[in-house]
Amino acid sequence: MEQLSKHDAVIKLGDFNAKVGKEMNNRLVAGKYTLHNETNDIGLRLCQFAEMNNLLTSSTIYEYKKIYKGTWKDLANKVVNQIDHILICKRRASTIQDVRTLRGPNCDNAHFLVRAIIKQKITTNYEKRKQKKVGIQID
């Protein structure tokens, strides 16, 4: 993370096995619509990582019914947890328009599919356009 430019759009997603709770100390990096009330050890480390690297847990920002928040189901106990998360740099957080769990697709796994809608505007490099107008060739 230290080698990346601060202007890069950083998105980290995956199965972190991290339960992020509704505690006030998590509000800087996580939303208030998480499925869990208490944070586990891995969730605490995920929040610390996100805070150190100026990231936001976008999977806990949007308000949905509990059925659309759970990402993993313990088949033996029928307990649903939110352990898969999507982290994005705070500077680009507005590009994520929605994050929710899709329970319909059968992945032959205890995990549910997590969908994020990202709207990204791609621009061209201003310096290259300017130099092409002037007629300068860059190799």
N, C-alpha and C. Protein backbone atom coordinates (compact mmCIF):
# COMPACT_ATOMS: atom_id res chain seq x y z
N MET A 1 0.82 -1.20 0.00
CA MET A 1 0.00 0.00 0.00
C MET A 1 0.86 1.26 0.00
N GLU A 2 2.04 1.18 0.64
CA GLU A 2 2.91 2.36 0.71
C GLU A 2 3.49 2.72 -0.65
N GLN A 3 3.60 1.74 -1.56
CA GLN A 3 4.20 1.98 -2.86
C GLN A 3 3.21 2.58 -3.86
N LEU A 4 1.94 2.56 -3.54
CA LEU A 4 0.93 3.09 -4.45
C LEU A 4 0.84 4.60 -4.35
N SER A 5 0.50 5.21 -5.46
CA SER A 5 0.29 6.66 -5.49
C SER A 5 -1.01 6.99 -4.78
N LYS A 6 -1.07 8.15 -4.15
CA LYS A 6 -2.30 8.54 -3.47
C LYS A 6 -3.41 8.87 -4.45
N HIS A 7 -3.08 8.99 -5.72
CA HIS A 7 -4.07 9.30 -6.74
C HIS A 7 -4.67 8.03 -7.36
N ASP A 8 -4.12 6.86 -7.05
CA ASP A 8 -4.64 5.61 -7.58
C ASP A 8 -5.95 5.25 -6.89
N ALA A 9 -6.83 4.62 -7.64
CA ALA A 9 -8.08 4.11 -7.08
C ALA A 9 -7.80 2.71 -6.54
N VAL A 10 -7.74 2.57 -5.23
CA VAL A 10 -7.42 1.30 -4.58
C VAL A 10 -8.72 0.64 -4.13
N ILE A 11 -8.93 -0.58 -4.62
CA ILE A 11 -10.09 -1.38 -4.20
C ILE A 11 -9.57 -2.73 -3.75
N LYS A 12 -9.84 -3.09 -2.51
CA LYS A 12 -9.46 -4.40 -1.97
C LYS A 12 -10.74 -5.11 -1.61
N LEU A 13 -10.88 -6.32 -2.09
CA LEU A 13 -12.08 -7.07 -1.78
C LEU A 13 -11.73 -8.52 -1.55
N GLY A 14 -12.53 -9.17 -0.74
CA GLY A 14 -12.29 -10.58 -0.50
C GLY A 14 -12.91 -11.09 0.77
N ASP A 15 -12.61 -12.34 1.05
CA ASP A 15 -13.06 -13.02 2.25
C ASP A 15 -12.04 -12.75 3.34
N PHE A 16 -12.32 -11.76 4.17
CA PHE A 16 -11.39 -11.38 5.23
C PHE A 16 -11.67 -12.11 6.54
N ASN A 17 -12.80 -12.82 6.64
CA ASN A 17 -13.25 -13.45 7.89
C ASN A 17 -13.35 -12.44 9.01
N ALA A 18 -13.67 -11.22 8.67
CA ALA A 18 -13.71 -10.11 9.62
C ALA A 18 -15.14 -9.69 9.88
N LYS A 19 -15.53 -9.77 11.14
CA LYS A 19 -16.84 -9.27 11.55
C LYS A 19 -16.65 -7.85 12.07
N VAL A 20 -17.20 -6.89 11.36
CA VAL A 20 -17.07 -5.49 11.75
C VAL A 20 -18.35 -5.10 12.49
N GLY A 21 -18.18 -4.63 13.72
CA GLY A 21 -19.32 -4.29 14.55
C GLY A 21 -19.74 -2.85 14.44
N LYS A 22 -20.74 -2.49 15.24
CA LYS A 22 -21.32 -1.15 15.20
C LYS A 22 -20.70 -0.22 16.24
N GLU A 23 -19.52 -0.54 16.75
CA GLU A 23 -18.88 0.30 17.75
C GLU A 23 -18.53 1.67 17.16
N MET A 24 -18.49 2.66 18.02
CA MET A 24 -18.21 4.03 17.58
C MET A 24 -16.79 4.19 17.03
N ASN A 25 -15.83 3.41 17.53
CA ASN A 25 -14.45 3.57 17.06
C ASN A 25 -14.28 3.03 15.63
N ASN A 26 -15.26 2.32 15.10
CA ASN A 26 -15.19 1.83 13.72
C ASN A 26 -15.85 2.78 12.72
N ARG A 27 -16.49 3.82 13.20
CA ARG A 27 -17.28 4.70 12.33
C ARG A 27 -16.43 5.45 11.30
N LEU A 28 -15.13 5.62 11.55
CA LEU A 28 -14.29 6.30 10.57
C LEU A 28 -14.08 5.47 9.31
N VAL A 29 -14.11 4.15 9.45
CA VAL A 29 -13.82 3.28 8.31
C VAL A 29 -14.99 2.39 7.93
N ALA A 30 -15.99 2.28 8.76
CA ALA A 30 -17.13 1.40 8.47
C ALA A 30 -18.42 2.17 8.68
N GLY A 31 -19.41 1.78 7.94
CA GLY A 31 -20.71 2.41 8.08
C GLY A 31 -21.46 1.88 9.29
N LYS A 32 -22.63 2.43 9.53
CA LYS A 32 -23.40 2.02 10.69
C LYS A 32 -24.37 0.89 10.37
N TYR A 33 -24.36 0.39 9.14
CA TYR A 33 -25.30 -0.65 8.73
C TYR A 33 -24.65 -2.02 8.62
N THR A 34 -23.78 -2.33 9.53
CA THR A 34 -23.15 -3.64 9.54
C THR A 34 -24.08 -4.66 10.18
N LEU A 35 -23.86 -5.91 9.89
CA LEU A 35 -24.72 -6.97 10.38
C LEU A 35 -24.45 -7.31 11.85
N HIS A 36 -23.23 -7.06 12.31
CA HIS A 36 -22.80 -7.48 13.64
C HIS A 36 -22.82 -6.32 14.64
N ASN A 37 -22.99 -6.65 15.89
CA ASN A 37 -22.94 -5.64 16.95
C ASN A 37 -21.54 -5.49 17.50
N GLU A 38 -20.76 -6.58 17.51
CA GLU A 38 -19.40 -6.56 18.06
C GLU A 38 -18.40 -6.96 17.00
N THR A 39 -17.22 -6.38 17.08
CA THR A 39 -16.14 -6.66 16.15
C THR A 39 -15.28 -7.79 16.69
N ASN A 40 -14.92 -8.74 15.83
CA ASN A 40 -13.99 -9.79 16.27
C ASN A 40 -12.55 -9.31 16.06
N ASP A 41 -11.58 -10.14 16.43
CA ASP A 41 -10.17 -9.74 16.35
C ASP A 41 -9.74 -9.41 14.92
N ILE A 42 -10.17 -10.23 13.98
CA ILE A 42 -9.80 -9.98 12.58
C ILE A 42 -10.47 -8.71 12.09
N GLY A 43 -11.70 -8.46 12.51
CA GLY A 43 -12.40 -7.23 12.14
C GLY A 43 -11.70 -6.00 12.69
N LEU A 44 -11.17 -6.13 13.91
CA LEU A 44 -10.41 -5.02 14.49
C LEU A 44 -9.16 -4.73 13.69
N ARG A 45 -8.47 -5.79 13.27
CA ARG A 45 -7.27 -5.61 12.43
C ARG A 45 -7.63 -5.03 11.07
N LEU A 46 -8.78 -5.46 10.51
CA LEU A 46 -9.22 -4.90 9.23
C LEU A 46 -9.51 -3.41 9.36
N CYS A 47 -10.17 -3.02 10.44
CA CYS A 47 -10.46 -1.59 10.67
C CYS A 47 -9.19 -0.79 10.88
N GLN A 48 -8.22 -1.35 11.58
CA GLN A 48 -6.95 -0.66 11.77
C GLN A 48 -6.21 -0.51 10.45
N PHE A 49 -6.22 -1.57 9.63
CA PHE A 49 -5.59 -1.52 8.31
C PHE A 49 -6.25 -0.44 7.45
N ALA A 50 -7.58 -0.41 7.48
CA ALA A 50 -8.31 0.57 6.69
C ALA A 50 -8.03 2.00 7.16
N GLU A 51 -7.96 2.19 8.46
CA GLU A 51 -7.69 3.53 9.00
C GLU A 51 -6.27 3.98 8.67
N MET A 52 -5.30 3.07 8.76
CA MET A 52 -3.91 3.43 8.45
C MET A 52 -3.73 3.79 6.98
N ASN A 53 -4.50 3.15 6.11
CA ASN A 53 -4.33 3.34 4.67
C ASN A 53 -5.42 4.20 4.04
N ASN A 54 -6.21 4.89 4.88
CA ASN A 54 -7.24 5.81 4.41
C ASN A 54 -8.27 5.11 3.51
N LEU A 55 -8.72 3.93 3.97
CA LEU A 55 -9.70 3.14 3.23
C LEU A 55 -11.04 3.16 3.95
N LEU A 56 -12.08 2.80 3.22
CA LEU A 56 -13.44 2.77 3.74
C LEU A 56 -14.04 1.41 3.43
N THR A 57 -14.73 0.81 4.40
CA THR A 57 -15.40 -0.46 4.20
C THR A 57 -16.77 -0.17 3.59
N SER A 58 -16.86 -0.27 2.28
CA SER A 58 -18.09 0.13 1.61
C SER A 58 -19.19 -0.91 1.73
N SER A 59 -18.88 -2.11 2.17
CA SER A 59 -19.91 -3.14 2.29
C SER A 59 -20.78 -2.94 3.52
N THR A 60 -20.46 -1.98 4.37
CA THR A 60 -21.25 -1.71 5.57
C THR A 60 -21.91 -0.33 5.54
N ILE A 61 -21.91 0.32 4.40
CA ILE A 61 -22.43 1.68 4.29
C ILE A 61 -23.91 1.72 3.93
N TYR A 62 -24.35 0.76 3.13
CA TYR A 62 -25.70 0.83 2.59
C TYR A 62 -26.69 0.09 3.47
N GLU A 63 -27.85 0.69 3.64
CA GLU A 63 -28.88 0.12 4.50
C GLU A 63 -29.73 -0.86 3.70
N TYR A 64 -29.69 -2.10 4.11
CA TYR A 64 -30.50 -3.16 3.52
C TYR A 64 -31.07 -4.02 4.64
N LYS A 65 -32.00 -4.90 4.27
CA LYS A 65 -32.46 -5.89 5.21
C LYS A 65 -31.30 -6.83 5.54
N LYS A 66 -31.37 -7.48 6.69
CA LYS A 66 -30.29 -8.36 7.11
C LYS A 66 -30.03 -9.48 6.11
N ILE A 67 -31.04 -9.91 5.40
CA ILE A 67 -30.87 -11.00 4.44
C ILE A 67 -29.91 -10.61 3.30
N TYR A 68 -29.79 -9.32 3.00
CA TYR A 68 -28.92 -8.86 1.94
C TYR A 68 -27.55 -8.41 2.45
N LYS A 69 -27.29 -8.51 3.73
CA LYS A 69 -26.01 -8.13 4.29
C LYS A 69 -25.10 -9.33 4.52
N GLY A 70 -25.68 -10.48 4.85
CA GLY A 70 -24.88 -11.66 5.15
C GLY A 70 -24.16 -12.18 3.93
N THR A 71 -22.90 -12.56 4.09
CA THR A 71 -22.09 -13.03 2.97
C THR A 71 -21.67 -14.49 3.13
N TRP A 72 -21.86 -15.07 4.31
CA TRP A 72 -21.47 -16.46 4.56
C TRP A 72 -22.46 -17.09 5.51
N LYS A 73 -22.83 -18.32 5.21
CA LYS A 73 -23.81 -19.01 6.05
C LYS A 73 -23.21 -20.30 6.58
N ASP A 74 -23.23 -20.44 7.90
CA ASP A 74 -22.80 -21.68 8.54
C ASP A 74 -23.92 -22.68 8.34
N LEU A 75 -23.67 -23.69 7.53
CA LEU A 75 -24.72 -24.62 7.15
C LEU A 75 -25.19 -25.47 8.33
N ALA A 76 -24.33 -25.70 9.31
CA ALA A 76 -24.72 -26.53 10.45
C ALA A 76 -25.63 -25.76 11.41
N ASN A 77 -25.28 -24.51 11.72
CA ASN A 77 -26.02 -23.73 12.71
C ASN A 77 -27.01 -22.74 12.11
N LYS A 78 -27.02 -22.61 10.78
CA LYS A 78 -27.89 -21.66 10.09
C LYS A 78 -27.62 -20.20 10.50
N VAL A 79 -26.38 -19.91 10.87
CA VAL A 79 -25.98 -18.56 11.26
C VAL A 79 -25.39 -17.86 10.05
N VAL A 80 -25.79 -16.62 9.82
CA VAL A 80 -25.29 -15.84 8.69
C VAL A 80 -24.36 -14.75 9.22
N ASN A 81 -23.19 -14.61 8.61
CA ASN A 81 -22.20 -13.61 9.00
C ASN A 81 -21.85 -12.74 7.82
N GLN A 82 -21.38 -11.54 8.11
CA GLN A 82 -20.90 -10.62 7.09
C GLN A 82 -19.38 -10.57 7.23
N ILE A 83 -18.70 -11.44 6.46
CA ILE A 83 -17.25 -11.56 6.60
C ILE A 83 -16.51 -11.21 5.31
N ASP A 84 -17.22 -11.04 4.20
CA ASP A 84 -16.62 -10.62 2.94
C ASP A 84 -16.85 -9.12 2.79
N HIS A 85 -15.78 -8.40 2.52
CA HIS A 85 -15.90 -6.94 2.50
C HIS A 85 -15.24 -6.36 1.25
N ILE A 86 -15.63 -5.14 0.94
CA ILE A 86 -15.03 -4.37 -0.14
C ILE A 86 -14.49 -3.08 0.47
N LEU A 87 -13.19 -2.88 0.34
CA LEU A 87 -12.54 -1.68 0.84
C LEU A 87 -12.15 -0.80 -0.35
N ILE A 88 -12.34 0.49 -0.21
CA ILE A 88 -11.96 1.43 -1.26
C ILE A 88 -11.35 2.66 -0.59
N CYS A 89 -10.43 3.32 -1.29
CA CYS A 89 -9.83 4.52 -0.73
C CYS A 89 -10.92 5.59 -0.57
N LYS A 90 -10.83 6.34 0.50
CA LYS A 90 -11.86 7.33 0.82
C LYS A 90 -12.00 8.38 -0.27
N ARG A 91 -10.92 8.66 -0.94
CA ARG A 91 -10.95 9.66 -2.00
C ARG A 91 -11.86 9.24 -3.15
N ARG A 92 -11.95 7.94 -3.39
CA ARG A 92 -12.77 7.41 -4.49
C ARG A 92 -14.04 6.72 -4.01
N ALA A 93 -14.41 6.91 -2.77
CA ALA A 93 -15.56 6.20 -2.20
C ALA A 93 -16.86 6.53 -2.91
N SER A 94 -16.97 7.69 -3.48
CA SER A 94 -18.21 8.07 -4.16
C SER A 94 -18.42 7.32 -5.47
N THR A 95 -17.39 6.63 -5.96
CA THR A 95 -17.55 5.86 -7.20
C THR A 95 -18.35 4.58 -6.97
N ILE A 96 -18.38 4.08 -5.74
CA ILE A 96 -19.19 2.90 -5.45
C ILE A 96 -20.61 3.36 -5.15
N GLN A 97 -21.53 2.90 -5.97
CA GLN A 97 -22.92 3.32 -5.84
C GLN A 97 -23.75 2.36 -5.02
N ASP A 98 -23.35 1.09 -4.97
CA ASP A 98 -24.16 0.11 -4.24
C ASP A 98 -23.33 -1.14 -3.97
N VAL A 99 -23.54 -1.74 -2.80
CA VAL A 99 -22.93 -3.02 -2.44
C VAL A 99 -23.99 -3.85 -1.74
N ARG A 100 -24.22 -5.06 -2.20
CA ARG A 100 -25.16 -5.95 -1.54
C ARG A 100 -24.85 -7.39 -1.89
N THR A 101 -25.43 -8.28 -1.13
CA THR A 101 -25.25 -9.71 -1.34
C THR A 101 -26.35 -10.24 -2.24
N LEU A 102 -25.96 -11.08 -3.18
CA LEU A 102 -26.92 -11.75 -4.05
C LEU A 102 -27.04 -13.19 -3.59
N ARG A 103 -28.20 -13.56 -3.11
CA ARG A 103 -28.39 -14.88 -2.54
C ARG A 103 -28.84 -15.91 -3.57
N GLY A 104 -29.23 -15.49 -4.75
CA GLY A 104 -29.76 -16.40 -5.75
C GLY A 104 -28.74 -17.30 -6.42
N PRO A 105 -27.60 -16.74 -6.89
CA PRO A 105 -26.63 -17.58 -7.61
C PRO A 105 -26.06 -18.67 -6.71
N ASN A 106 -26.11 -19.90 -7.19
CA ASN A 106 -25.58 -21.03 -6.43
C ASN A 106 -24.12 -21.21 -6.80
N CYS A 107 -23.24 -20.95 -5.85
CA CYS A 107 -21.81 -21.06 -6.09
C CYS A 107 -21.24 -22.35 -5.51
N ASP A 108 -22.12 -23.28 -5.07
CA ASP A 108 -21.68 -24.52 -4.40
C ASP A 108 -20.71 -24.22 -3.28
N ASN A 109 -21.05 -23.23 -2.50
CA ASN A 109 -20.19 -22.76 -1.43
C ASN A 109 -21.09 -22.18 -0.35
N ALA A 110 -20.53 -21.99 0.83
CA ALA A 110 -21.29 -21.38 1.91
C ALA A 110 -21.31 -19.86 1.76
N HIS A 111 -20.50 -19.31 0.84
CA HIS A 111 -20.45 -17.87 0.61
C HIS A 111 -21.50 -17.45 -0.40
N PHE A 112 -22.02 -16.26 -0.21
CA PHE A 112 -22.93 -15.67 -1.18
C PHE A 112 -22.15 -14.69 -2.04
N LEU A 113 -22.65 -14.46 -3.23
CA LEU A 113 -22.02 -13.54 -4.16
C LEU A 113 -22.23 -12.10 -3.68
N VAL A 114 -21.17 -11.31 -3.66
CA VAL A 114 -21.25 -9.91 -3.26
C VAL A 114 -21.09 -9.06 -4.52
N ARG A 115 -22.05 -8.17 -4.74
CA ARG A 115 -22.04 -7.33 -5.93
C ARG A 115 -21.80 -5.88 -5.54
N ALA A 116 -20.95 -5.23 -6.29
CA ALA A 116 -20.72 -3.80 -6.11
C ALA A 116 -20.93 -3.11 -7.46
N ILE A 117 -21.63 -2.01 -7.44
CA ILE A 117 -21.80 -1.20 -8.64
C ILE A 117 -20.86 -0.02 -8.53
N ILE A 118 -19.92 0.04 -9.47
CA ILE A 118 -18.89 1.07 -9.46
C ILE A 118 -19.04 1.90 -10.72
N LYS A 119 -19.12 3.20 -10.54
CA LYS A 119 -19.22 4.12 -11.67
C LYS A 119 -17.90 4.90 -11.72
N GLN A 120 -17.10 4.60 -12.72
CA GLN A 120 -15.78 5.20 -12.82
C GLN A 120 -15.69 6.03 -14.08
N LYS A 121 -15.26 7.24 -13.96
CA LYS A 121 -15.04 8.10 -15.12
C LYS A 121 -13.58 8.01 -15.50
N ILE A 122 -13.32 7.64 -16.74
CA ILE A 122 -11.95 7.48 -17.21
C ILE A 122 -11.61 8.69 -18.07
N THR A 123 -10.51 9.33 -17.74
CA THR A 123 -10.09 10.51 -18.49
C THR A 123 -8.75 10.22 -19.16
N THR A 124 -8.45 11.01 -20.17
CA THR A 124 -7.16 10.87 -20.84
C THR A 124 -6.14 11.75 -20.14
N ASN A 125 -4.91 11.45 -20.39
CA ASN A 125 -3.82 12.21 -19.79
C ASN A 125 -3.71 13.57 -20.48
N TYR A 126 -3.83 14.64 -19.70
CA TYR A 126 -3.83 15.99 -20.25
C TYR A 126 -2.51 16.33 -20.93
N GLU A 127 -1.38 15.92 -20.38
CA GLU A 127 -0.08 16.26 -20.96
C GLU A 127 0.09 15.64 -22.34
N LYS A 128 -0.35 14.40 -22.53
CA LYS A 128 -0.22 13.76 -23.84
C LYS A 128 -1.09 14.46 -24.88
N ARG A 129 -2.31 14.85 -24.50
CA ARG A 129 -3.18 15.57 -25.43
C ARG A 129 -2.56 16.90 -25.82
N LYS A 130 -2.00 17.60 -24.84
CA LYS A 130 -1.41 18.92 -25.09
C LYS A 130 -0.22 18.80 -26.04
N GLN A 131 0.61 17.77 -25.83
CA GLN A 131 1.80 17.59 -26.67
C GLN A 131 1.43 17.15 -28.07
N LYS A 132 0.35 16.38 -28.23
CA LYS A 132 -0.06 15.96 -29.57
C LYS A 132 -0.58 17.15 -30.36
N LYS A 133 -1.24 18.10 -29.71
CA LYS A 133 -1.73 19.29 -30.40
C LYS A 133 -0.58 20.16 -30.89
N VAL A 134 0.48 20.21 -30.11
CA VAL A 134 1.64 21.04 -30.48
C VAL A 134 2.44 20.37 -31.57
N GLY A 135 2.41 19.02 -31.62
CA GLY A 135 3.15 18.29 -32.64
C GLY A 135 4.42 17.68 -32.13
N ILE A 136 4.58 17.57 -30.83
CA ILE A 136 5.77 16.97 -30.24
C ILE A 136 5.56 15.46 -30.18
N GLN A 137 6.57 14.71 -30.59
CA GLN A 137 6.47 13.26 -30.54
C GLN A 137 7.17 12.74 -29.29
N ILE A 138 6.49 11.85 -28.55
CA ILE A 138 7.05 11.27 -27.32
C ILE A 138 7.29 9.80 -27.56
N ASP A 139 8.48 9.33 -27.21
CA ASP A 139 8.79 7.90 -27.33
C ASP A 139 8.81 7.25 -25.99
